[in-house]
Amino acid sequence: MTAAQRIIVNTTAQYTRTIINVCLSLYSTRLILAALGQNDFGIYSVVAGVVAMLAFVTNALVTTTQRFLSFNYGKGEMQYVSRIFSNSLLLHLLIGAGVLVVLGALGYPIVHSVLNIEDGRESAALYVYLAAVLMLTLTFITAPYRALFIARENIVYISIIDVLDGILRLLIAVFLTYISSFDRLVTYSMLLVGISVFNLLAFALYAMKNFPECRHPHWSDWDRGILKELSGFAGWTVYSSGCVIVRNQGIAVLINIFCSTIANAAYGIAQQVSGAVAFISASIINAINPQIMSAEGQGNRKHMIQLAEYESKYAFLLLSLISIPLIFEMDSILQLWLGEVPMYTVSFCQLMLLAAVFDQLTIGLTSANQAIGKIKVYTLWFYSFKLITILGIWLCLQSGVPVAASLWCYVIIELLGSVMRMILMKHQADIAIYPFVKHVCYRVIMPFVSMAVTGYLCSTYLELSYRFLFTLVMTVLVGGVMIWLTSLDSSEKQYIHDFIHRNRK
């Protein structure tokens, strides 16, 4: 299978996985809420949420391990790849053990003194807390195996396991509706731990059987140099994720201080909507990232930059295809979904989707920076810059600017951040700005404008039942035509033509 074919297959697998899991999750949540009741469901949400705040570290660890594995796959140093994986697994085992001991010891005071748990349910809440800590620990240990599959570009297997995860969660939800002799909240928590064990075994056993570089770690493999590299890279990756979380939560706090809880509800819904469509660009990024790292490992900087350009262009266009019709039809979609839509929700959702689209414009340069490995200066400047959003919104709200208008600071900072990526990578890796603008920015302008005009015309001048469906179809059709005419170069068109022709046979 060629590199381009792997990108298509892996992207399709992730799309399919996400759509299936979203449907499974929506139905599972409904069953769990009915089985546990609002009080116990609330207990699980708040207790597990305390632990889940650390879950973003897992993504940083996966990104770190995958980068070093892919980079050295490109160099062809399989012996060194094996040592990287072994040291990564040792590091994750130590982190997992530390998390288990520290958070486990804090369980009793957190549940009994910090959280507001109704009388008589403290014991069950403690079981939930400990189960959440155990799941987080297992997730840390699973991270290097998951990174190995991504580096190997075996996204299909990851997607299969993720779908099985969703099916198991649905089966647990159905099972809970039939039991009455056990505490349902405690049972639910313990069964979720079982799913985490299943995930670990599914990845570890397959990897040990099929990937020669995957073996049990030995203390003799301990390499301070490798561990220092992994820890340093992971630390800055955690910092980048932390800045995004602080930015998002900081906005929520400001909205809470200056506005009503209704505005907070609107912001929460907007984050859900933005997160729900983020999988579109994430699918492309996860499919191309391993090849970007591998190209840099091979010393082929030119090809690495080309892949980064493709990643930026495709991520921006695919997210635009979905986000633009949603932006123009947000009011009717929210009415259909929520029934009663909180004030500000429409504006918040529209602005956060627009900000997400602008962020994708140069997203490939972040992958390029990770491939090169010089992430300290890039991460410190770029992700710290995102925190300015909090200051901008605070100044607006302090000056009496309406909260919906204040959120334009979020959009502007994300757009400026995309420009900032190009400047940083010019200084960090001597990646020329004009060729990137020519190959990416110029090629997405016409599709973006044409989709925006189509969305505006459909939403403004048409009066139809379920008009949002017509707007979606028309925007995608117009966008698809313009992408073919203006965004794709001759080699990309030829590849698509050949791919379709091969699959017709």
Protein backbone atom coordinates (compact mmCIF):
# COMPACT_ATOMS: atom_id res chain seq x y z
CA MET A 1 0.00 0.00 0.00
CA THR A 2 1.40 3.41 -0.97
CA ALA A 3 1.73 6.31 1.47
CA ALA A 4 -1.19 8.16 -0.15
CA GLN A 5 -3.40 5.06 0.01
CA ARG A 6 -2.58 4.62 3.71
CA ILE A 7 -3.68 8.22 4.36
CA ILE A 8 -7.03 7.57 2.64
CA VAL A 9 -7.60 4.23 4.39
CA ASN A 10 -6.61 5.56 7.82
CA THR A 11 -8.72 8.71 7.46
CA THR A 12 -11.74 6.65 6.39
CA ALA A 13 -11.25 4.28 9.33
CA GLN A 14 -11.16 7.16 11.79
CA TYR A 15 -14.23 8.82 10.26
CA THR A 16 -16.16 5.56 10.48
CA ARG A 17 -15.00 4.94 14.03
CA THR A 18 -15.98 8.41 15.20
CA ILE A 19 -19.44 8.35 13.64
CA ILE A 20 -20.19 4.91 15.13
CA ASN A 21 -18.87 5.87 18.56
CA VAL A 22 -20.78 9.15 18.66
CA CYS A 23 -24.03 7.26 17.97
CA LEU A 24 -23.17 4.59 20.54
CA SER A 25 -22.19 7.21 23.11
CA LEU A 26 -25.40 9.20 22.73
CA TYR A 27 -27.56 6.11 23.26
CA SER A 28 -25.35 4.74 26.05
CA THR A 29 -25.53 8.03 27.95
CA ARG A 30 -29.31 7.95 27.76
CA LEU A 31 -29.42 4.39 29.18
CA ILE A 32 -26.85 5.13 31.89
CA LEU A 33 -28.77 8.21 33.01
CA ALA A 34 -31.97 6.14 33.25
CA ALA A 35 -30.23 3.29 35.08
CA LEU A 36 -28.28 5.37 37.60
CA GLY A 37 -30.73 8.20 38.09
CA GLN A 38 -29.82 11.87 38.07
CA ASN A 39 -28.17 11.86 41.53
CA ASP A 40 -25.82 8.91 40.96
CA PHE A 41 -25.12 10.04 37.41
CA GLY A 42 -24.15 13.43 38.82
CA ILE A 43 -21.91 11.77 41.42
CA TYR A 44 -20.10 9.80 38.72
CA SER A 45 -19.71 12.90 36.53
CA VAL A 46 -18.21 15.08 39.25
CA VAL A 47 -16.00 12.42 40.88
CA ALA A 48 -14.66 10.93 37.64
CA GLY A 49 -14.28 14.46 36.28
CA VAL A 50 -11.77 15.33 39.00
CA VAL A 51 -9.49 12.53 37.77
CA ALA A 52 -10.29 13.11 34.09
CA MET A 53 -8.67 16.55 34.31
CA LEU A 54 -5.33 14.73 34.05
CA ALA A 55 -6.39 12.71 31.02
CA PHE A 56 -4.94 15.31 28.63
CA VAL A 57 -1.49 14.15 29.77
CA THR A 58 -2.16 10.83 28.01
CA ASN A 59 -2.46 12.54 24.62
CA ALA A 60 0.84 14.31 25.24
CA LEU A 61 2.51 10.99 26.08
CA VAL A 62 1.10 9.30 22.97
CA THR A 63 2.25 12.20 20.78
CA THR A 64 5.74 12.09 22.30
CA THR A 65 6.28 8.34 21.87
CA GLN A 66 4.77 8.34 18.36
CA ARG A 67 7.06 11.17 17.27
CA PHE A 68 10.26 9.40 18.33
CA LEU A 69 9.13 6.06 16.94
CA SER A 70 8.10 7.49 13.55
CA PHE A 71 11.27 9.60 13.32
CA ASN A 72 13.51 6.59 13.87
CA TYR A 73 11.42 4.37 11.59
CA GLY A 74 12.32 6.90 8.91
CA LYS A 75 16.01 6.62 9.81
CA GLY A 76 15.73 2.83 9.59
CA GLU A 77 17.27 2.30 13.03
CA MET A 78 15.07 -0.55 14.22
CA GLN A 79 17.38 -1.44 17.11
CA TYR A 80 17.07 2.10 18.43
CA VAL A 81 13.29 2.03 17.86
CA SER A 82 13.12 -0.99 20.17
CA ARG A 83 15.10 0.85 22.86
CA ILE A 84 12.84 3.91 22.54
CA PHE A 85 9.72 1.80 22.97
CA SER A 86 11.19 -0.07 25.94
CA ASN A 87 12.23 3.15 27.69
CA SER A 88 8.89 4.76 26.89
CA LEU A 89 7.04 1.83 28.44
CA LEU A 90 9.25 1.98 31.55
CA LEU A 91 8.55 5.70 31.84
CA HIS A 92 4.80 5.17 31.49
CA LEU A 93 4.84 2.38 34.08
CA LEU A 94 6.58 4.71 36.54
CA ILE A 95 4.14 7.54 35.82
CA GLY A 96 1.19 5.18 36.16
CA ALA A 97 2.47 3.85 39.48
CA GLY A 98 3.02 7.39 40.74
CA VAL A 99 -0.48 8.45 39.69
CA LEU A 100 -2.00 5.39 41.35
CA VAL A 101 -0.21 5.98 44.66
CA VAL A 102 -0.63 9.75 44.89
CA LEU A 103 -4.20 10.09 43.64
CA GLY A 104 -5.23 6.92 45.46
CA ALA A 105 -3.98 8.35 48.75
CA LEU A 106 -5.89 11.59 48.13
CA GLY A 107 -9.15 9.76 47.45
CA TYR A 108 -10.65 9.79 50.94
CA PRO A 109 -10.06 13.51 51.71
CA ILE A 110 -11.20 14.56 48.22
CA VAL A 111 -14.45 12.59 48.39
CA HIS A 112 -15.28 13.39 52.02
CA SER A 113 -13.97 16.95 52.35
CA VAL A 114 -13.60 18.59 48.95
CA LEU A 115 -16.51 17.29 46.87
CA ASN A 116 -20.13 17.88 47.77
CA ILE A 117 -21.48 14.31 47.93
CA GLU A 118 -24.94 13.64 49.33
CA ASP A 119 -25.13 11.81 52.66
CA GLY A 120 -24.99 8.05 52.43
CA ARG A 121 -23.25 7.95 49.04
CA GLU A 122 -19.71 8.77 50.17
CA SER A 123 -18.64 5.12 50.08
CA ALA A 124 -19.95 4.62 46.55
CA ALA A 125 -18.31 7.89 45.47
CA LEU A 126 -14.97 6.64 46.85
CA TYR A 127 -15.29 3.46 44.76
CA VAL A 128 -15.97 5.62 41.70
CA TYR A 129 -12.93 7.76 42.46
CA LEU A 130 -10.60 4.79 42.89
CA ALA A 131 -11.97 3.19 39.71
CA ALA A 132 -11.32 6.43 37.81
CA VAL A 133 -7.73 6.55 39.15
CA LEU A 134 -7.18 2.93 38.09
CA MET A 135 -8.57 3.66 34.61
CA LEU A 136 -6.25 6.66 34.28
CA THR A 137 -3.29 4.48 35.31
CA LEU A 138 -4.20 1.82 32.76
CA THR A 139 -4.55 4.52 30.12
CA PHE A 140 -1.02 5.75 30.85
CA ILE A 141 0.34 2.22 30.43
CA THR A 142 -1.62 1.74 27.20
CA ALA A 143 -0.27 5.00 25.71
CA PRO A 144 3.07 3.67 24.33
CA TYR A 145 1.31 0.72 22.66
CA ARG A 146 -1.21 3.08 21.07
CA ALA A 147 1.63 5.33 19.92
CA LEU A 148 3.34 2.31 18.36
CA PHE A 149 0.24 1.54 16.28
CA ILE A 150 0.05 5.17 15.11
CA ALA A 151 3.75 5.18 14.21
CA ARG A 152 3.18 1.93 12.31
CA GLU A 153 0.22 3.67 10.60
CA ASN A 154 -2.07 0.83 11.69
CA ILE A 155 -4.97 3.17 12.37
CA VAL A 156 -7.50 0.56 11.23
CA TYR A 157 -6.74 -1.68 14.22
CA ILE A 158 -6.98 1.29 16.60
CA SER A 159 -10.37 2.17 15.09
CA ILE A 160 -11.62 -1.41 15.52
CA ILE A 161 -10.62 -1.46 19.21
CA ASP A 162 -12.19 1.97 19.77
CA VAL A 163 -15.48 0.77 18.21
CA LEU A 164 -15.39 -2.36 20.39
CA ASP A 165 -14.84 -0.05 23.36
CA GLY A 166 -18.02 1.83 22.43
CA ILE A 167 -19.98 -1.40 21.97
CA LEU A 168 -18.83 -2.69 25.38
CA ARG A 169 -19.93 0.57 27.01
CA LEU A 170 -23.35 0.19 25.38
CA LEU A 171 -23.60 -3.42 26.64
CA ILE A 172 -22.74 -2.23 30.14
CA ALA A 173 -25.46 0.40 29.91
CA VAL A 174 -28.00 -2.24 28.86
CA PHE A 175 -26.79 -4.60 31.62
CA LEU A 176 -27.25 -1.95 34.31
CA THR A 177 -30.92 -1.58 33.46
CA TYR A 178 -31.49 -5.24 34.45
CA ILE A 179 -29.59 -5.48 37.75
CA SER A 180 -30.99 -4.53 41.13
CA SER A 181 -29.07 -6.66 43.66
CA PHE A 182 -25.87 -4.59 43.39
CA ASP A 183 -25.10 -0.91 43.73
CA ARG A 184 -25.41 0.22 40.10
CA LEU A 185 -22.99 3.12 40.48
CA VAL A 186 -20.23 0.94 41.93
CA THR A 187 -20.93 -1.82 39.39
CA TYR A 188 -20.76 0.67 36.53
CA SER A 189 -17.38 1.96 37.72
CA MET A 190 -15.89 -1.52 38.09
CA LEU A 191 -17.10 -2.60 34.66
CA LEU A 192 -15.50 0.47 33.08
CA VAL A 193 -12.21 -0.59 34.66
CA GLY A 194 -12.69 -3.91 32.87
CA ILE A 195 -12.95 -2.05 29.53
CA SER A 196 -9.64 -0.29 30.28
CA VAL A 197 -8.04 -3.68 30.92
CA PHE A 198 -9.48 -4.95 27.63
CA ASN A 199 -7.98 -1.99 25.74
CA LEU A 200 -4.54 -2.53 27.27
CA LEU A 201 -4.55 -6.25 26.47
CA ALA A 202 -5.89 -5.70 22.93
CA PHE A 203 -3.05 -3.34 22.06
CA ALA A 204 -0.26 -5.04 24.04
CA LEU A 205 -0.89 -8.63 22.93
CA TYR A 206 -1.26 -7.73 19.24
CA ALA A 207 1.83 -5.51 19.33
CA MET A 208 3.99 -8.13 21.06
CA LYS A 209 2.95 -10.74 18.52
CA ASN A 210 3.27 -8.66 15.34
CA PHE A 211 5.84 -5.90 16.01
CA PRO A 212 9.41 -7.11 16.63
CA GLU A 213 10.39 -3.83 18.31
CA CYS A 214 7.72 -4.37 20.98
CA ARG A 215 9.04 -6.41 23.86
CA HIS A 216 8.80 -6.50 27.64
CA PRO A 217 10.91 -3.75 29.18
CA HIS A 218 14.00 -4.66 31.19
CA TRP A 219 15.80 -2.42 33.65
CA SER A 220 18.93 -3.10 31.60
CA ASP A 221 17.25 -1.10 28.80
CA TRP A 222 17.20 1.99 31.02
CA ASP A 223 18.80 4.77 28.99
CA ARG A 224 19.08 8.18 30.63
CA GLY A 225 19.63 9.87 27.29
CA ILE A 226 16.45 8.48 25.76
CA LEU A 227 14.44 9.12 28.92
CA LYS A 228 15.69 12.71 29.01
CA GLU A 229 14.61 13.24 25.40
CA LEU A 230 11.21 11.64 25.98
CA SER A 231 10.60 13.54 29.23
CA GLY A 232 11.64 16.88 27.74
CA PHE A 233 9.46 16.47 24.67
CA ALA A 234 6.53 15.21 26.76
CA GLY A 235 6.91 18.10 29.19
CA TRP A 236 6.53 20.73 26.48
CA THR A 237 3.68 18.77 24.88
CA VAL A 238 1.91 18.71 28.25
CA TYR A 239 2.54 22.46 28.52
CA SER A 240 0.87 23.04 25.15
CA SER A 241 -2.20 21.02 26.17
CA GLY A 242 -2.26 22.76 29.54
CA CYS A 243 -2.30 26.20 27.91
CA VAL A 244 -5.34 25.23 25.82
CA ILE A 245 -7.15 23.92 28.91
CA VAL A 246 -6.29 27.03 30.94
CA ARG A 247 -7.47 29.21 28.05
CA ASN A 248 -10.80 27.37 27.79
CA GLN A 249 -11.43 27.28 31.53
CA GLY A 250 -10.29 30.86 31.96
CA ILE A 251 -12.92 32.00 29.47
CA ALA A 252 -15.54 30.00 31.39
CA VAL A 253 -14.52 31.71 34.65
CA LEU A 254 -14.71 35.18 33.07
CA ILE A 255 -18.14 34.44 31.64
CA ASN A 256 -19.25 33.25 35.08
CA ILE A 257 -17.94 36.44 36.75
CA PHE A 258 -19.35 38.96 34.29
CA CYS A 259 -22.46 37.14 33.06
CA SER A 260 -25.07 34.65 34.19
CA THR A 261 -24.93 30.87 34.51
CA ILE A 262 -27.02 30.78 31.33
CA ALA A 263 -24.02 32.20 29.47
CA ASN A 264 -21.87 29.48 31.04
CA ALA A 265 -24.31 26.87 29.77
CA ALA A 266 -24.09 28.40 26.30
CA TYR A 267 -20.29 28.30 26.42
CA GLY A 268 -20.34 24.66 27.54
CA ILE A 269 -22.61 23.72 24.64
CA ALA A 270 -20.36 25.62 22.23
CA GLN A 271 -17.35 23.64 23.44
CA GLN A 272 -19.28 20.41 22.89
CA VAL A 273 -20.20 21.42 19.35
CA SER A 274 -16.64 22.48 18.55
CA GLY A 275 -15.28 19.23 19.98
CA ALA A 276 -17.82 17.18 18.06
CA VAL A 277 -16.55 18.42 14.69
CA ALA A 278 -12.86 18.45 15.67
CA PHE A 279 -12.57 14.77 14.71
CA ILE A 280 -12.74 15.82 11.04
CA SER A 281 -9.38 17.58 11.05
CA ALA A 282 -7.97 15.21 13.69
CA SER A 283 -8.54 12.30 11.29
CA ILE A 284 -6.37 13.90 8.64
CA ILE A 285 -3.71 14.94 11.16
CA ASN A 286 -3.43 11.47 12.69
CA ALA A 287 -3.20 9.89 9.23
CA ILE A 288 -0.44 12.19 7.92
CA ASN A 289 1.59 12.81 11.10
CA PRO A 290 3.51 9.50 11.08
CA GLN A 291 4.64 10.15 7.50
CA ILE A 292 5.77 13.68 8.43
CA MET A 293 7.91 12.31 11.29
CA SER A 294 9.26 9.50 9.11
CA ALA A 295 10.20 11.88 6.27
CA GLU A 296 12.18 14.04 8.68
CA GLY A 297 13.87 10.92 10.07
CA GLN A 298 14.92 10.02 6.53
CA GLY A 299 16.46 13.47 6.18
CA ASN A 300 13.96 14.40 3.47
CA ARG A 301 13.06 17.88 4.72
CA LYS A 302 11.49 18.87 1.38
CA HIS A 303 9.00 15.99 1.47
CA MET A 304 8.30 16.63 5.15
CA ILE A 305 7.34 20.25 4.41
CA GLN A 306 5.18 19.12 1.49
CA LEU A 307 3.29 16.72 3.77
CA ALA A 308 2.86 19.52 6.34
CA GLU A 309 1.35 21.67 3.59
CA TYR A 310 -1.02 18.87 2.60
CA GLU A 311 -2.03 18.40 6.24
CA SER A 312 -2.83 22.10 6.65
CA LYS A 313 -4.77 22.33 3.40
CA TYR A 314 -6.84 19.18 3.84
CA ALA A 315 -7.56 19.80 7.52
CA PHE A 316 -8.74 23.35 6.79
CA LEU A 317 -10.90 22.35 3.82
CA LEU A 318 -12.51 19.32 5.44
CA LEU A 319 -13.36 21.23 8.61
CA SER A 320 -14.74 24.10 6.50
CA LEU A 321 -17.01 21.73 4.55
CA ILE A 322 -18.80 20.82 7.78
CA SER A 323 -18.37 23.96 9.88
CA ILE A 324 -19.55 26.59 7.38
CA PRO A 325 -23.06 25.17 6.84
CA LEU A 326 -23.29 24.59 10.60
CA ILE A 327 -22.36 28.21 11.25
CA PHE A 328 -25.13 29.53 9.00
CA GLU A 329 -27.76 27.02 10.17
CA MET A 330 -26.73 26.93 13.84
CA ASP A 331 -30.00 28.35 15.13
CA SER A 332 -32.22 25.71 13.50
CA ILE A 333 -29.82 22.88 14.35
CA LEU A 334 -29.68 23.83 18.02
CA GLN A 335 -33.47 24.16 18.11
CA LEU A 336 -33.80 20.64 16.74
CA TRP A 337 -31.15 19.24 19.11
CA LEU A 338 -31.93 21.07 22.37
CA GLY A 339 -35.47 22.31 21.97
CA GLU A 340 -34.94 25.26 24.33
CA VAL A 341 -31.69 26.97 23.36
CA PRO A 342 -29.95 29.05 26.07
CA MET A 343 -29.19 32.67 25.27
CA TYR A 344 -25.84 33.30 23.52
CA THR A 345 -25.53 29.66 22.45
CA VAL A 346 -25.91 30.33 18.73
CA SER A 347 -23.28 33.10 18.69
CA PHE A 348 -20.86 31.17 20.87
CA CYS A 349 -21.11 28.06 18.67
CA GLN A 350 -20.65 30.05 15.47
CA LEU A 351 -17.58 31.89 16.74
CA MET A 352 -15.89 28.81 18.20
CA LEU A 353 -16.38 26.88 14.96
CA LEU A 354 -14.93 29.78 12.98
CA ALA A 355 -11.95 29.91 15.35
CA ALA A 356 -11.41 26.16 14.92
CA VAL A 357 -11.38 26.55 11.13
CA PHE A 358 -8.81 29.36 11.26
CA ASP A 359 -6.59 27.30 13.57
CA GLN A 360 -6.36 24.55 10.93
CA LEU A 361 -4.93 26.90 8.31
CA THR A 362 -1.32 26.19 9.38
CA ILE A 363 -1.84 23.17 11.65
CA GLY A 364 0.66 21.13 9.63
CA LEU A 365 3.46 23.40 10.82
CA THR A 366 2.92 22.16 14.37
CA SER A 367 3.47 18.63 13.11
CA ALA A 368 6.56 19.83 11.23
CA ASN A 369 7.90 21.39 14.42
CA GLN A 370 7.35 18.13 16.31
CA ALA A 371 9.14 16.22 13.54
CA ILE A 372 12.14 18.53 13.70
CA GLY A 373 12.16 18.23 17.49
CA LYS A 374 12.89 21.87 18.35
CA ILE A 375 9.69 22.34 20.32
CA LYS A 376 10.76 24.42 23.33
CA VAL A 377 10.79 27.90 21.77
CA TYR A 378 7.89 27.11 19.43
CA THR A 379 5.68 25.76 22.22
CA LEU A 380 6.55 28.52 24.67
CA TRP A 381 5.71 31.30 22.22
CA PHE A 382 2.80 29.79 20.31
CA TYR A 383 0.80 28.23 23.15
CA SER A 384 1.52 31.04 25.61
CA PHE A 385 0.16 33.38 22.94
CA LYS A 386 -3.19 31.55 23.12
CA LEU A 387 -3.50 32.68 26.76
CA ILE A 388 -3.79 36.28 25.55
CA THR A 389 -7.39 35.33 24.67
CA ILE A 390 -8.24 35.46 28.37
CA LEU A 391 -6.80 38.98 28.69
CA GLY A 392 -8.60 40.18 25.57
CA ILE A 393 -11.98 38.88 26.68
CA TRP A 394 -11.47 40.29 30.18
CA LEU A 395 -10.71 43.75 28.77
CA CYS A 396 -13.80 43.58 26.54
CA LEU A 397 -16.12 42.48 29.33
CA GLN A 398 -14.59 45.02 31.73
CA SER A 399 -15.29 47.74 29.16
CA GLY A 400 -18.93 46.72 28.81
CA VAL A 401 -18.65 44.92 25.48
CA PRO A 402 -21.43 42.30 25.12
CA VAL A 403 -20.23 38.79 25.88
CA ALA A 404 -21.01 37.47 22.40
CA ALA A 405 -18.96 40.24 20.79
CA SER A 406 -16.15 39.67 23.31
CA LEU A 407 -15.69 36.14 22.02
CA TRP A 408 -14.42 37.60 18.75
CA CYS A 409 -11.11 37.89 20.65
CA TYR A 410 -11.02 34.10 20.57
CA VAL A 411 -11.42 34.07 16.78
CA ILE A 412 -8.84 36.82 16.18
CA ILE A 413 -6.21 35.18 18.40
CA GLU A 414 -6.64 31.85 16.60
CA LEU A 415 -6.22 33.58 13.22
CA LEU A 416 -3.14 35.45 14.43
CA GLY A 417 -1.85 32.20 15.87
CA SER A 418 -1.96 30.63 12.41
CA VAL A 419 0.17 33.49 11.09
CA MET A 420 2.48 33.15 14.09
CA ARG A 421 3.15 29.47 13.23
CA MET A 422 4.63 30.51 9.88
CA ILE A 423 6.89 33.13 11.49
CA LEU A 424 8.11 30.74 14.17
CA MET A 425 8.85 27.95 11.70
CA LYS A 426 10.70 30.42 9.47
CA HIS A 427 13.09 31.08 12.37
CA GLN A 428 13.09 27.53 13.78
CA ALA A 429 13.52 25.52 10.59
CA ASP A 430 14.00 28.07 7.81
CA ILE A 431 10.66 27.07 6.24
CA ALA A 432 9.95 29.79 3.69
CA ILE A 433 6.69 31.66 4.31
CA TYR A 434 5.76 32.58 0.72
CA PRO A 435 5.78 29.01 -0.72
CA PHE A 436 3.63 27.85 2.21
CA VAL A 437 1.18 30.71 1.63
CA LYS A 438 1.14 29.94 -2.10
CA HIS A 439 0.58 26.19 -1.68
CA VAL A 440 -1.91 26.39 1.20
CA CYS A 441 -3.47 29.79 1.91
CA TYR A 442 -4.02 30.89 -1.68
CA ARG A 443 -5.50 27.52 -2.59
CA VAL A 444 -8.16 27.54 0.14
CA ILE A 445 -9.46 31.09 -0.29
CA MET A 446 -11.88 30.43 -3.18
CA PRO A 447 -13.46 27.27 -1.69
CA PHE A 448 -13.85 29.02 1.68
CA VAL A 449 -15.48 32.12 0.16
CA SER A 450 -17.74 30.10 -2.16
CA MET A 451 -18.93 27.89 0.71
CA ALA A 452 -19.59 30.96 2.87
CA VAL A 453 -21.59 32.65 0.11
CA THR A 454 -23.58 29.46 -0.54
CA GLY A 455 -24.33 29.03 3.15
CA TYR A 456 -25.42 32.65 3.49
CA LEU A 457 -27.71 32.57 0.44
CA CYS A 458 -29.39 29.29 1.45
CA SER A 459 -29.94 30.33 5.06
CA THR A 460 -31.12 33.84 4.20
CA TYR A 461 -33.39 33.43 1.18
CA LEU A 462 -34.83 29.92 1.44
CA GLU A 463 -37.78 28.88 3.58
CA LEU A 464 -37.89 25.08 3.69
CA SER A 465 -38.59 22.39 6.23
CA TYR A 466 -35.27 21.01 7.45
CA ARG A 467 -33.53 23.67 5.39
CA PHE A 468 -30.25 22.96 7.15
CA LEU A 469 -30.00 19.66 5.22
CA PHE A 470 -30.32 21.49 1.90
CA THR A 471 -27.75 24.08 3.03
CA LEU A 472 -25.35 21.32 4.06
CA VAL A 473 -25.68 19.46 0.75
CA MET A 474 -25.36 22.60 -1.39
CA THR A 475 -22.39 23.93 0.58
CA VAL A 476 -20.57 20.61 0.32
CA LEU A 477 -21.30 20.33 -3.41
CA VAL A 478 -20.15 23.88 -4.19
CA GLY A 479 -17.15 23.50 -1.89
CA GLY A 480 -16.22 20.18 -3.49
CA VAL A 481 -16.31 21.64 -6.99
CA MET A 482 -14.22 24.67 -5.96
CA ILE A 483 -11.73 22.46 -4.14
CA TRP A 484 -11.25 20.41 -7.30
CA LEU A 485 -10.89 23.52 -9.47
CA THR A 486 -8.67 25.68 -7.25
CA SER A 487 -7.22 23.72 -4.32
CA LEU A 488 -5.79 20.56 -5.84
CA ASP A 489 -2.69 20.56 -8.02
CA SER A 490 -2.34 18.35 -11.09
CA SER A 491 -0.60 15.52 -9.20
CA GLU A 492 -3.37 15.40 -6.59
CA LYS A 493 -6.06 15.34 -9.27
CA GLN A 494 -4.23 12.60 -11.13
CA TYR A 495 -3.92 10.51 -7.98
CA ILE A 496 -7.66 10.84 -7.22
CA HIS A 497 -8.49 9.94 -10.83
CA ASP A 498 -6.23 6.86 -10.70
CA PHE A 499 -7.58 5.83 -7.29
CA ILE A 500 -11.19 5.96 -8.49
CA HIS A 501 -10.30 4.13 -11.69
CA ARG A 502 -8.51 1.33 -9.78
CA ASN A 503 -11.41 0.83 -7.41
CA ARG A 504 -13.96 0.61 -10.24
CA LYS A 505 -12.28 -2.51 -11.58
